[in-house]
């Protein structure tokens, strides 16, 4: 059983006789919780078929497992984690979670290889032989780091330090590591705080690395850029990202998931008011980086809205 902190939100105006949809989000200080809470409110306000509530949780890995055990029927999570969950391809999941279905990708969570501004490291190739903070053990960040640096041909030559975001930022500042990976919505507080005292740069992850990642069977990566001025940098950066997404259980009724999808995209102004990341959610990018087969209810809405749905996402 998945253990979560139980803070329920979204019951105002709910359809008490509707299909109950518990939405696992994340911690109260993150992005998933305010967006998921607002989404639950939207569902209750705009549908008489759905009785939704949002619940705080441990985020992506916890949420995927909770969908599998039916502790929740919908969740926010990273699209790479959902891919690992449904395929059972990493140690994060003892068994696969075949119940996962896609509803929508929401916004990018950016891969950021951080170095001090005066570092001689200019490219991923320059990381060869260096000390690199690769993410917390068993995290999605650590898995992404291995995939990207393997594609760059340097994974086997680095000295790896298993550090979370805050630990990585501190180690970079103190010179204990030469670089570190941080995977999060940008701008990321850990990097912003580091940049206050120690000017930083983000290393490019060029297009040829993205091509290699996709060819290696990692469909969840998308290209992403950081504008000049981010973290005080003089120049913009090209990198890659995974996507925050909404997933649902496969056994939710088709008409319920159809309404869940329609309500999301026809009431985006409400979502934008909940958090700045809501501004990045759009129908045009809803399938970018989609790593799950879509629920039939979502497919129905996308086709109705004029979105081309690849056959591979229709199951």
C-alpha atoms as a PDB file:
ATOM      1  CA  UNK A   1       0.000   0.000   0.000  1.00  0.00           C
ATOM      2  CA  UNK A   2       1.232   3.498  -0.847  1.00  0.00           C
ATOM      3  CA  UNK A   3       1.401   5.853   2.144  1.00  0.00           C
ATOM      4  CA  UNK A   4       0.549   9.507   1.540  1.00  0.00           C
ATOM      5  CA  UNK A   5      -0.105  12.599   3.577  1.00  0.00           C
ATOM      6  CA  UNK A   6      -3.842  13.017   3.357  1.00  0.00           C
ATOM      7  CA  UNK A   7      -4.840  16.564   2.565  1.00  0.00           C
ATOM      8  CA  UNK A   8      -8.011  16.549   0.514  1.00  0.00           C
ATOM      9  CA  UNK A   9      -8.985  19.432  -1.721  1.00  0.00           C
ATOM     10  CA  UNK A  10     -11.635  19.983  -4.324  1.00  0.00           C
ATOM     11  CA  UNK A  11     -14.889  18.881  -2.742  1.00  0.00           C
ATOM     12  CA  UNK A  12     -16.634  22.253  -3.087  1.00  0.00           C
ATOM     13  CA  UNK A  13     -19.508  21.980  -5.526  1.00  0.00           C
ATOM     14  CA  UNK A  14     -18.821  18.309  -6.195  1.00  0.00           C
ATOM     15  CA  UNK A  15     -21.291  15.925  -7.741  1.00  0.00           C
ATOM     16  CA  UNK A  16     -21.713  13.616  -4.756  1.00  0.00           C
ATOM     17  CA  UNK A  17     -23.402  10.983  -6.886  1.00  0.00           C
ATOM     18  CA  UNK A  18     -20.733  11.060  -9.577  1.00  0.00           C
ATOM     19  CA  UNK A  19     -17.824   8.743 -10.263  1.00  0.00           C
ATOM     20  CA  UNK A  20     -15.279   9.228  -7.494  1.00  0.00           C
ATOM     21  CA  UNK A  21     -11.900  10.357  -8.839  1.00  0.00           C
ATOM     22  CA  UNK A  22      -9.075  10.743  -6.334  1.00  0.00           C
ATOM     23  CA  UNK A  23      -6.167  12.685  -7.829  1.00  0.00           C
ATOM     24  CA  UNK A  24      -2.698  12.167  -6.344  1.00  0.00           C
ATOM     25  CA  UNK A  25      -0.540  15.285  -6.700  1.00  0.00           C
ATOM     26  CA  UNK A  26       2.682  16.055  -4.795  1.00  0.00           C
ATOM     27  CA  UNK A  27       3.920  17.999  -1.794  1.00  0.00           C
ATOM     28  CA  UNK A  28       2.251  21.265  -0.854  1.00  0.00           C
ATOM     29  CA  UNK A  29       5.390  23.257  -1.715  1.00  0.00           C
ATOM     30  CA  UNK A  30       5.598  21.946  -5.278  1.00  0.00           C
ATOM     31  CA  UNK A  31       3.741  22.524  -8.542  1.00  0.00           C
ATOM     32  CA  UNK A  32       1.703  19.319  -8.704  1.00  0.00           C
ATOM     33  CA  UNK A  33      -0.389  20.112  -5.631  1.00  0.00           C
ATOM     34  CA  UNK A  34      -1.747  23.560  -6.622  1.00  0.00           C
ATOM     35  CA  UNK A  35      -2.417  22.432 -10.190  1.00  0.00           C
ATOM     36  CA  UNK A  36      -3.995  19.145  -9.121  1.00  0.00           C
ATOM     37  CA  UNK A  37      -6.125  20.864  -6.497  1.00  0.00           C
ATOM     38  CA  UNK A  38      -7.425  23.401  -8.993  1.00  0.00           C
ATOM     39  CA  UNK A  39      -8.097  20.627 -11.503  1.00  0.00           C
ATOM     40  CA  UNK A  40     -10.205  18.766  -8.933  1.00  0.00           C
ATOM     41  CA  UNK A  41     -12.185  21.951  -8.310  1.00  0.00           C
ATOM     42  CA  UNK A  42     -12.667  22.396 -12.065  1.00  0.00           C
ATOM     43  CA  UNK A  43     -13.979  18.855 -12.451  1.00  0.00           C
ATOM     44  CA  UNK A  44     -16.460  19.289  -9.617  1.00  0.00           C
ATOM     45  CA  UNK A  45     -17.631  22.662 -10.874  1.00  0.00           C
ATOM     46  CA  UNK A  46     -18.081  21.740 -14.517  1.00  0.00           C
ATOM     47  CA  UNK A  47     -19.308  18.127 -14.387  1.00  0.00           C
ATOM     48  CA  UNK A  48     -22.205  16.340 -12.735  1.00  0.00           C
ATOM     49  CA  UNK A  49     -20.574  12.969 -13.501  1.00  0.00           C
ATOM     50  CA  UNK A  50     -17.442  13.394 -11.388  1.00  0.00           C
ATOM     51  CA  UNK A  51     -16.797  13.639  -7.635  1.00  0.00           C
ATOM     52  CA  UNK A  52     -13.118  14.636  -7.514  1.00  0.00           C
ATOM     53  CA  UNK A  53     -10.671  15.316  -4.725  1.00  0.00           C
ATOM     54  CA  UNK A  54      -6.939  16.069  -4.777  1.00  0.00           C
ATOM     55  CA  UNK A  55      -4.542  14.444  -2.309  1.00  0.00           C
ATOM     56  CA  UNK A  56      -0.980  15.368  -1.359  1.00  0.00           C
ATOM     57  CA  UNK A  57       1.528  12.612  -2.067  1.00  0.00           C
ATOM     58  CA  UNK A  58       5.164  11.735  -2.672  1.00  0.00           C
ATOM     59  CA  UNK A  59       4.777  12.663  -6.367  1.00  0.00           C
ATOM     60  CA  UNK A  60       5.673  10.664  -9.474  1.00  0.00           C
ATOM     61  CA  UNK A  61       6.766   7.201  -8.329  1.00  0.00           C
ATOM     62  CA  UNK A  62       4.255   7.099  -5.471  1.00  0.00           C
ATOM     63  CA  UNK A  63       1.514   8.289  -7.798  1.00  0.00           C
ATOM     64  CA  UNK A  64       2.158   5.670 -10.461  1.00  0.00           C
ATOM     65  CA  UNK A  65       2.072   2.896  -7.869  1.00  0.00           C
ATOM     66  CA  UNK A  66      -1.131   4.316  -6.356  1.00  0.00           C
ATOM     67  CA  UNK A  67      -2.889   4.165  -9.719  1.00  0.00           C
ATOM     68  CA  UNK A  68      -1.871   0.518  -9.906  1.00  0.00           C
ATOM     69  CA  UNK A  69      -3.392  -0.250  -6.496  1.00  0.00           C
ATOM     70  CA  UNK A  70      -6.496   1.880  -7.184  1.00  0.00           C
ATOM     71  CA  UNK A  71      -5.705   4.185  -4.256  1.00  0.00           C
ATOM     72  CA  UNK A  72      -6.164   6.928  -6.820  1.00  0.00           C
ATOM     73  CA  UNK A  73      -7.783   7.035 -10.220  1.00  0.00           C
ATOM     74  CA  UNK A  74      -5.791   9.967 -11.626  1.00  0.00           C
ATOM     75  CA  UNK A  75      -2.408  11.499 -10.878  1.00  0.00           C
ATOM     76  CA  UNK A  76       0.206  14.007 -11.894  1.00  0.00           C
ATOM     77  CA  UNK A  77       3.615  12.514 -12.634  1.00  0.00           C
ATOM     78  CA  UNK A  78       6.608  12.758 -14.953  1.00  0.00           C
ATOM     79  CA  UNK A  79       6.184  11.114 -18.335  1.00  0.00           C
ATOM     80  CA  UNK A  80       9.482   9.254 -18.022  1.00  0.00           C
ATOM     81  CA  UNK A  81       8.382   7.761 -14.692  1.00  0.00           C
ATOM     82  CA  UNK A  82       5.055   6.722 -16.222  1.00  0.00           C
ATOM     83  CA  UNK A  83       6.991   4.998 -19.016  1.00  0.00           C
ATOM     84  CA  UNK A  84       9.151   3.109 -16.514  1.00  0.00           C
ATOM     85  CA  UNK A  85       6.044   2.183 -14.530  1.00  0.00           C
ATOM     86  CA  UNK A  86       4.080   0.755 -17.422  1.00  0.00           C
ATOM     87  CA  UNK A  87       7.084  -1.112 -18.826  1.00  0.00           C
ATOM     88  CA  UNK A  88       8.615  -2.113 -15.481  1.00  0.00           C
ATOM     89  CA  UNK A  89      12.075  -1.238 -16.782  1.00  0.00           C
ATOM     90  CA  UNK A  90      13.788   0.279 -13.716  1.00  0.00           C
ATOM     91  CA  UNK A  91      14.365  -0.632 -10.092  1.00  0.00           C
ATOM     92  CA  UNK A  92      11.903   2.087  -9.076  1.00  0.00           C
ATOM     93  CA  UNK A  93       9.110  -0.416  -9.781  1.00  0.00           C
ATOM     94  CA  UNK A  94       9.123  -3.994  -8.508  1.00  0.00           C
ATOM     95  CA  UNK A  95       6.397  -4.808 -11.001  1.00  0.00           C
ATOM     96  CA  UNK A  96       4.905  -3.022 -13.990  1.00  0.00           C
ATOM     97  CA  UNK A  97       1.789  -0.868 -13.631  1.00  0.00           C
ATOM     98  CA  UNK A  98      -0.290  -1.825 -16.688  1.00  0.00           C
ATOM     99  CA  UNK A  99      -3.326   0.138 -15.461  1.00  0.00           C
ATOM    100  CA  UNK A 100      -1.750   3.487 -16.445  1.00  0.00           C
ATOM    101  CA  UNK A 101      -3.311   5.418 -19.322  1.00  0.00           C
ATOM    102  CA  UNK A 102      -2.505   8.883 -20.592  1.00  0.00           C
ATOM    103  CA  UNK A 103      -4.766  11.915 -20.409  1.00  0.00           C
ATOM    104  CA  UNK A 104      -2.434  14.824 -21.283  1.00  0.00           C
ATOM    105  CA  UNK A 105       1.108  16.120 -21.072  1.00  0.00           C
ATOM    106  CA  UNK A 106       1.152  19.456 -19.263  1.00  0.00           C
ATOM    107  CA  UNK A 107       4.476  21.315 -19.123  1.00  0.00           C
ATOM    108  CA  UNK A 108       8.227  20.619 -19.400  1.00  0.00           C
ATOM    109  CA  UNK A 109      10.436  19.590 -16.509  1.00  0.00           C
ATOM    110  CA  UNK A 110      13.860  20.603 -17.723  1.00  0.00           C
ATOM    111  CA  UNK A 111      17.136  18.662 -17.706  1.00  0.00           C
ATOM    112  CA  UNK A 112      19.735  21.105 -16.390  1.00  0.00           C
ATOM    113  CA  UNK A 113      23.442  20.220 -16.222  1.00  0.00           C
ATOM    114  CA  UNK A 114      24.787  22.932 -13.934  1.00  0.00           C
ATOM    115  CA  UNK A 115      28.368  24.201 -13.676  1.00  0.00           C
ATOM    116  CA  UNK A 116      29.927  27.325 -12.218  1.00  0.00           C
ATOM    117  CA  UNK A 117      30.271  30.104 -14.761  1.00  0.00           C
ATOM    118  CA  UNK A 118      34.084  30.012 -14.655  1.00  0.00           C
ATOM    119  CA  UNK A 119      34.230  26.232 -15.169  1.00  0.00           C
ATOM    120  CA  UNK A 120      36.233  24.947 -18.167  1.00  0.00           C
ATOM    121  CA  UNK A 121      33.379  22.507 -18.866  1.00  0.00           C
ATOM    122  CA  UNK A 122      31.576  23.776 -21.963  1.00  0.00           C
ATOM    123  CA  UNK A 123      29.976  20.617 -23.412  1.00  0.00           C
ATOM    124  CA  UNK A 124      28.732  17.246 -22.214  1.00  0.00           C
ATOM    125  CA  UNK A 125      31.890  15.698 -23.690  1.00  0.00           C
ATOM    126  CA  UNK A 126      33.927  17.837 -21.295  1.00  0.00           C
ATOM    127  CA  UNK A 127      32.387  15.944 -18.365  1.00  0.00           C
ATOM    128  CA  UNK A 128      34.625  12.952 -19.133  1.00  0.00           C
ATOM    129  CA  UNK A 129      36.782  12.235 -16.098  1.00  0.00           C
ATOM    130  CA  UNK A 130      34.946  14.763 -13.929  1.00  0.00           C
ATOM    131  CA  UNK A 131      33.022  14.531 -10.647  1.00  0.00           C
ATOM    132  CA  UNK A 132      29.296  14.767 -11.394  1.00  0.00           C
ATOM    133  CA  UNK A 133      26.253  14.869  -9.103  1.00  0.00           C
ATOM    134  CA  UNK A 134      23.887  12.467 -10.874  1.00  0.00           C
ATOM    135  CA  UNK A 135      20.722  12.684  -8.740  1.00  0.00           C
ATOM    136  CA  UNK A 136      19.366  10.913  -5.688  1.00  0.00           C
ATOM    137  CA  UNK A 137      19.607   7.090  -5.751  1.00  0.00           C
ATOM    138  CA  UNK A 138      16.682   5.483  -7.562  1.00  0.00           C
ATOM    139  CA  UNK A 139      15.290   8.814  -8.732  1.00  0.00           C
ATOM    140  CA  UNK A 140      14.018   9.710 -12.172  1.00  0.00           C
ATOM    141  CA  UNK A 141      16.797  12.297 -12.267  1.00  0.00           C
ATOM    142  CA  UNK A 142      19.457   9.611 -11.838  1.00  0.00           C
ATOM    143  CA  UNK A 143      17.965   7.475 -14.592  1.00  0.00           C
ATOM    144  CA  UNK A 144      17.797  10.466 -16.960  1.00  0.00           C
ATOM    145  CA  UNK A 145      21.402  11.387 -16.181  1.00  0.00           C
ATOM    146  CA  UNK A 146      22.614   7.910 -17.104  1.00  0.00           C
ATOM    147  CA  UNK A 147      20.627   7.897 -20.335  1.00  0.00           C
ATOM    148  CA  UNK A 148      21.833  11.324 -21.465  1.00  0.00           C
ATOM    149  CA  UNK A 149      25.482  10.909 -20.513  1.00  0.00           C
ATOM    150  CA  UNK A 150      25.502   7.440 -22.085  1.00  0.00           C
ATOM    151  CA  UNK A 151      24.227   9.013 -25.302  1.00  0.00           C
ATOM    152  CA  UNK A 152      27.028  11.574 -24.976  1.00  0.00           C
ATOM    153  CA  UNK A 153      29.587   8.791 -24.485  1.00  0.00           C
ATOM    154  CA  UNK A 154      30.839   9.909 -21.065  1.00  0.00           C
ATOM    155  CA  UNK A 155      28.763   7.991 -18.500  1.00  0.00           C
ATOM    156  CA  UNK A 156      31.385   5.305 -17.869  1.00  0.00           C
ATOM    157  CA  UNK A 157      34.176   7.855 -17.406  1.00  0.00           C
ATOM    158  CA  UNK A 158      32.659  10.159 -14.778  1.00  0.00           C
ATOM    159  CA  UNK A 159      32.903   9.812 -11.005  1.00  0.00           C
ATOM    160  CA  UNK A 160      29.311   9.728  -9.804  1.00  0.00           C
ATOM    161  CA  UNK A 161      27.921  11.368  -6.679  1.00  0.00           C
ATOM    162  CA  UNK A 162      24.368  10.411  -5.645  1.00  0.00           C
ATOM    163  CA  UNK A 163      23.036  13.800  -4.536  1.00  0.00           C
ATOM    164  CA  UNK A 164      19.592  15.392  -4.490  1.00  0.00           C
ATOM    165  CA  UNK A 165      19.005  18.899  -5.853  1.00  0.00           C
ATOM    166  CA  UNK A 166      19.951  20.823  -2.712  1.00  0.00           C
ATOM    167  CA  UNK A 167      22.990  18.626  -2.074  1.00  0.00           C
ATOM    168  CA  UNK A 168      24.119  18.985  -5.694  1.00  0.00           C
ATOM    169  CA  UNK A 169      23.853  22.778  -5.594  1.00  0.00           C
ATOM    170  CA  UNK A 170      25.883  22.895  -2.383  1.00  0.00           C
ATOM    171  CA  UNK A 171      28.530  20.524  -3.762  1.00  0.00           C
ATOM    172  CA  UNK A 172      28.872  22.600  -6.936  1.00  0.00           C
ATOM    173  CA  UNK A 173      29.296  25.767  -4.885  1.00  0.00           C
ATOM    174  CA  UNK A 174      31.947  24.175  -2.651  1.00  0.00           C
ATOM    175  CA  UNK A 175      33.836  22.626  -5.564  1.00  0.00           C
ATOM    176  CA  UNK A 176      33.145  19.087  -4.353  1.00  0.00           C
ATOM    177  CA  UNK A 177      31.726  18.206  -7.767  1.00  0.00           C
ATOM    178  CA  UNK A 178      32.413  19.747 -11.158  1.00  0.00           C
ATOM    179  CA  UNK A 179      28.815  19.578 -12.376  1.00  0.00           C
ATOM    180  CA  UNK A 180      25.397  18.358 -11.365  1.00  0.00           C
ATOM    181  CA  UNK A 181      22.093  17.470 -12.977  1.00  0.00           C
ATOM    182  CA  UNK A 182      18.846  19.005 -11.778  1.00  0.00           C
ATOM    183  CA  UNK A 183      15.583  17.866 -13.377  1.00  0.00           C
ATOM    184  CA  UNK A 184      12.730  20.227 -12.539  1.00  0.00           C
ATOM    185  CA  UNK A 185      10.540  22.986 -13.874  1.00  0.00           C
ATOM    186  CA  UNK A 186      12.705  25.975 -14.733  1.00  0.00           C
ATOM    187  CA  UNK A 187      13.649  28.315 -13.237  1.00  0.00           C
ATOM    188  CA  UNK A 188      14.455  25.964 -10.368  1.00  0.00           C
ATOM    189  CA  UNK A 189      14.834  27.399  -6.839  1.00  0.00           C
ATOM    190  CA  UNK A 190      17.926  25.300  -6.027  1.00  0.00           C
ATOM    191  CA  UNK A 191      19.765  26.779  -9.016  1.00  0.00           C
ATOM    192  CA  UNK A 192      18.426  30.288  -8.406  1.00  0.00           C
ATOM    193  CA  UNK A 193      19.752  30.181  -4.853  1.00  0.00           C
ATOM    194  CA  UNK A 194      23.144  28.908  -6.037  1.00  0.00           C
ATOM    195  CA  UNK A 195      23.336  31.640  -8.684  1.00  0.00           C
ATOM    196  CA  UNK A 196      22.915  34.379  -6.057  1.00  0.00           C
ATOM    197  CA  UNK A 197      26.360  33.664  -4.601  1.00  0.00           C
ATOM    198  CA  UNK A 198      28.047  31.756  -7.434  1.00  0.00           C
ATOM    199  CA  UNK A 199      27.328  32.613 -11.095  1.00  0.00           C
ATOM    200  CA  UNK A 200      26.330  29.496 -13.024  1.00  0.00           C
ATOM    201  CA  UNK A 201      25.911  28.134 -16.538  1.00  0.00           C
ATOM    202  CA  UNK A 202      23.724  25.359 -17.920  1.00  0.00           C
ATOM    203  CA  UNK A 203      25.440  23.042 -20.417  1.00  0.00           C
ATOM    204  CA  UNK A 204      23.724  22.507 -23.765  1.00  0.00           C
ATOM    205  CA  UNK A 205      22.155  19.128 -24.536  1.00  0.00           C
ATOM    206  CA  UNK A 206      22.279  19.388 -28.340  1.00  0.00           C
ATOM    207  CA  UNK A 207      19.819  18.045 -30.886  1.00  0.00           C
ATOM    208  CA  UNK A 208      21.990  15.049 -31.805  1.00  0.00           C
ATOM    209  CA  UNK A 209      21.759  13.795 -28.215  1.00  0.00           C
ATOM    210  CA  UNK A 210      17.962  14.053 -28.341  1.00  0.00           C
ATOM    211  CA  UNK A 211      18.005  12.077 -31.598  1.00  0.00           C
ATOM    212  CA  UNK A 212      20.084   9.349 -29.935  1.00  0.00           C
ATOM    213  CA  UNK A 213      17.765   9.238 -26.925  1.00  0.00           C
ATOM    214  CA  UNK A 214      14.674   8.816 -29.081  1.00  0.00           C
ATOM    215  CA  UNK A 215      16.407   6.165 -31.207  1.00  0.00           C
ATOM    216  CA  UNK A 216      17.382   4.293 -28.031  1.00  0.00           C
ATOM    217  CA  UNK A 217      13.696   3.889 -27.178  1.00  0.00           C
ATOM    218  CA  UNK A 218      13.095   6.781 -24.795  1.00  0.00           C
ATOM    219  CA  UNK A 219      10.014   8.448 -26.318  1.00  0.00           C
ATOM    220  CA  UNK A 220       9.385  10.834 -23.441  1.00  0.00           C
ATOM    221  CA  UNK A 221      12.148  13.364 -24.122  1.00  0.00           C
ATOM    222  CA  UNK A 222      11.367  16.638 -25.885  1.00  0.00           C
ATOM    223  CA  UNK A 223      13.550  19.572 -26.895  1.00  0.00           C
ATOM    224  CA  UNK A 224      13.558  22.513 -24.518  1.00  0.00           C
ATOM    225  CA  UNK A 225      15.318  25.866 -24.313  1.00  0.00           C
ATOM    226  CA  UNK A 226      16.195  28.256 -21.524  1.00  0.00           C
ATOM    227  CA  UNK A 227      16.214  31.941 -22.420  1.00  0.00           C
ATOM    228  CA  UNK A 228      19.149  34.269 -21.896  1.00  0.00           C
ATOM    229  CA  UNK A 229      18.782  35.840 -18.476  1.00  0.00           C
ATOM    230  CA  UNK A 230      17.672  32.618 -16.796  1.00  0.00           C
ATOM    231  CA  UNK A 231      19.839  32.291 -13.680  1.00  0.00           C
ATOM    232  CA  UNK A 232      21.630  35.444 -14.884  1.00  0.00           C
ATOM    233  CA  UNK A 233      23.146  33.650 -17.905  1.00  0.00           C
ATOM    234  CA  UNK A 234      24.297  35.796 -20.831  1.00  0.00           C
ATOM    235  CA  UNK A 235      23.189  33.270 -23.460  1.00  0.00           C
ATOM    236  CA  UNK A 236      20.246  30.973 -24.027  1.00  0.00           C
ATOM    237  CA  UNK A 237      20.607  27.197 -23.705  1.00  0.00           C
ATOM    238  CA  UNK A 238      19.299  24.254 -25.713  1.00  0.00           C
ATOM    239  CA  UNK A 239      18.526  21.190 -23.635  1.00  0.00           C
ATOM    240  CA  UNK A 240      15.913  18.448 -23.288  1.00  0.00           C
ATOM    241  CA  UNK A 241      13.022  17.925 -20.932  1.00  0.00           C
ATOM    242  CA  UNK A 242      10.584  15.360 -19.724  1.00  0.00           C
ATOM    243  CA  UNK A 243       6.972  16.354 -19.262  1.00  0.00           C
ATOM    244  CA  UNK A 244       4.698  16.665 -16.281  1.00  0.00           C
ATOM    245  CA  UNK A 245       1.540  14.808 -17.233  1.00  0.00           C
ATOM    246  CA  UNK A 246      -1.871  13.632 -16.114  1.00  0.00           C
ATOM    247  CA  UNK A 247      -2.465   9.897 -16.064  1.00  0.00           C
ATOM    248  CA  UNK A 248      -5.612   7.931 -15.256  1.00  0.00           C
ATOM    249  CA  UNK A 249      -6.601   4.338 -14.543  1.00  0.00           C
ATOM    250  CA  UNK A 250      -7.599   2.238 -17.510  1.00  0.00           C
ATOM    251  CA  UNK A 251     -10.914   1.225 -15.917  1.00  0.00           C
ATOM    252  CA  UNK A 252     -12.330   4.729 -15.511  1.00  0.00           C
ATOM    253  CA  UNK A 253     -15.443   5.020 -17.705  1.00  0.00           C
ATOM    254  CA  UNK A 254     -14.861   6.498 -21.151  1.00  0.00           C
ATOM    255  CA  UNK A 255     -17.431   9.250 -20.670  1.00  0.00           C
ATOM    256  CA  UNK A 256     -15.779  10.312 -17.399  1.00  0.00           C
ATOM    257  CA  UNK A 257     -12.299  10.606 -18.917  1.00  0.00           C
ATOM    258  CA  UNK A 258     -13.776  12.392 -21.931  1.00  0.00           C
ATOM    259  CA  UNK A 259     -15.195  15.012 -19.561  1.00  0.00           C
ATOM    260  CA  UNK A 260     -11.956  15.173 -17.580  1.00  0.00           C
ATOM    261  CA  UNK A 261     -10.036  15.946 -20.766  1.00  0.00           C
ATOM    262  CA  UNK A 262     -12.575  18.411 -22.108  1.00  0.00           C
ATOM    263  CA  UNK A 263     -12.843  20.291 -18.806  1.00  0.00           C
ATOM    264  CA  UNK A 264      -9.058  20.601 -18.606  1.00  0.00           C
ATOM    265  CA  UNK A 265      -8.678  22.220 -22.015  1.00  0.00           C
ATOM    266  CA  UNK A 266     -11.831  24.331 -22.075  1.00  0.00           C
ATOM    267  CA  UNK A 267     -11.078  25.955 -18.715  1.00  0.00           C
ATOM    268  CA  UNK A 268      -7.351  26.664 -18.946  1.00  0.00           C
ATOM    269  CA  UNK A 269      -7.768  30.178 -17.546  1.00  0.00           C
ATOM    270  CA  UNK A 270      -8.725  28.616 -14.216  1.00  0.00           C
ATOM    271  CA  UNK A 271      -5.632  26.403 -14.245  1.00  0.00           C
ATOM    272  CA  UNK A 272      -3.387  29.355 -15.109  1.00  0.00           C
ATOM    273  CA  UNK A 273      -4.666  31.193 -12.046  1.00  0.00           C
ATOM    274  CA  UNK A 274      -3.507  28.343  -9.790  1.00  0.00           C
ATOM    275  CA  UNK A 275       0.211  28.409 -10.711  1.00  0.00           C
ATOM    276  CA  UNK A 276       2.443  30.015 -13.343  1.00  0.00           C
ATOM    277  CA  UNK A 277       3.155  26.583 -14.851  1.00  0.00           C
ATOM    278  CA  UNK A 278      -0.512  26.511 -15.832  1.00  0.00           C
ATOM    279  CA  UNK A 279       0.401  29.024 -18.538  1.00  0.00           C
ATOM    280  CA  UNK A 280       2.397  26.302 -20.305  1.00  0.00           C
ATOM    281  CA  UNK A 281      -0.505  23.847 -20.587  1.00  0.00           C
ATOM    282  CA  UNK A 282      -2.103  23.819 -24.036  1.00  0.00           C
ATOM    283  CA  UNK A 283      -4.076  21.567 -26.345  1.00  0.00           C
ATOM    284  CA  UNK A 284      -1.398  22.038 -29.012  1.00  0.00           C
ATOM    285  CA  UNK A 285       1.287  20.400 -26.837  1.00  0.00           C
ATOM    286  CA  UNK A 286      -0.891  17.868 -25.004  1.00  0.00           C
ATOM    287  CA  UNK A 287       0.614  14.877 -26.805  1.00  0.00           C
ATOM    288  CA  UNK A 288       4.236  16.106 -26.922  1.00  0.00           C
ATOM    289  CA  UNK A 289       6.285  13.472 -25.127  1.00  0.00           C
ATOM    290  CA  UNK A 290       3.247  11.297 -24.367  1.00  0.00           C
ATOM    291  CA  UNK A 291       4.685   8.054 -23.005  1.00  0.00           C
ATOM    292  CA  UNK A 292       1.455   6.143 -22.337  1.00  0.00           C
ATOM    293  CA  UNK A 293      -1.317   4.755 -24.475  1.00  0.00           C
ATOM    294  CA  UNK A 294      -4.164   7.240 -24.146  1.00  0.00           C
ATOM    295  CA  UNK A 295      -7.407   6.403 -22.386  1.00  0.00           C
ATOM    296  CA  UNK A 296     -10.205   6.026 -24.980  1.00  0.00           C
ATOM    297  CA  UNK A 297     -12.061   8.933 -23.374  1.00  0.00           C
ATOM    298  CA  UNK A 298      -9.090  11.208 -23.982  1.00  0.00           C
ATOM    299  CA  UNK A 299      -8.771   9.976 -27.568  1.00  0.00           C
ATOM    300  CA  UNK A 300     -12.430  10.814 -28.153  1.00  0.00           C
ATOM    301  CA  UNK A 301     -11.957  14.394 -26.961  1.00  0.00           C
ATOM    302  CA  UNK A 302      -8.748  14.985 -28.905  1.00  0.00           C
ATOM    303  CA  UNK A 303     -10.325  13.794 -32.142  1.00  0.00           C
ATOM    304  CA  UNK A 304     -13.364  15.969 -31.489  1.00  0.00           C
ATOM    305  CA  UNK A 305     -11.044  18.949 -30.883  1.00  0.00           C
ATOM    306  CA  UNK A 306      -9.179  18.368 -34.147  1.00  0.00           C
ATOM    307  CA  UNK A 307      -5.974  16.986 -32.616  1.00  0.00           C
ATOM    308  CA  UNK A 308      -4.198  14.313 -34.653  1.00  0.00           C
ATOM    309  CA  UNK A 309      -3.723  11.284 -32.413  1.00  0.00           C
ATOM    310  CA  UNK A 310      -0.923   8.913 -33.515  1.00  0.00           C
ATOM    311  CA  UNK A 311      -2.054   5.320 -33.913  1.00  0.00           C
ATOM    312  CA  UNK A 312       0.527   4.169 -31.350  1.00  0.00           C
ATOM    313  CA  UNK A 313      -1.200   6.251 -28.672  1.00  0.00           C
ATOM    314  CA  UNK A 314      -4.628   4.773 -29.394  1.00  0.00           C
ATOM    315  CA  UNK A 315      -3.759   1.288 -28.170  1.00  0.00           C
END
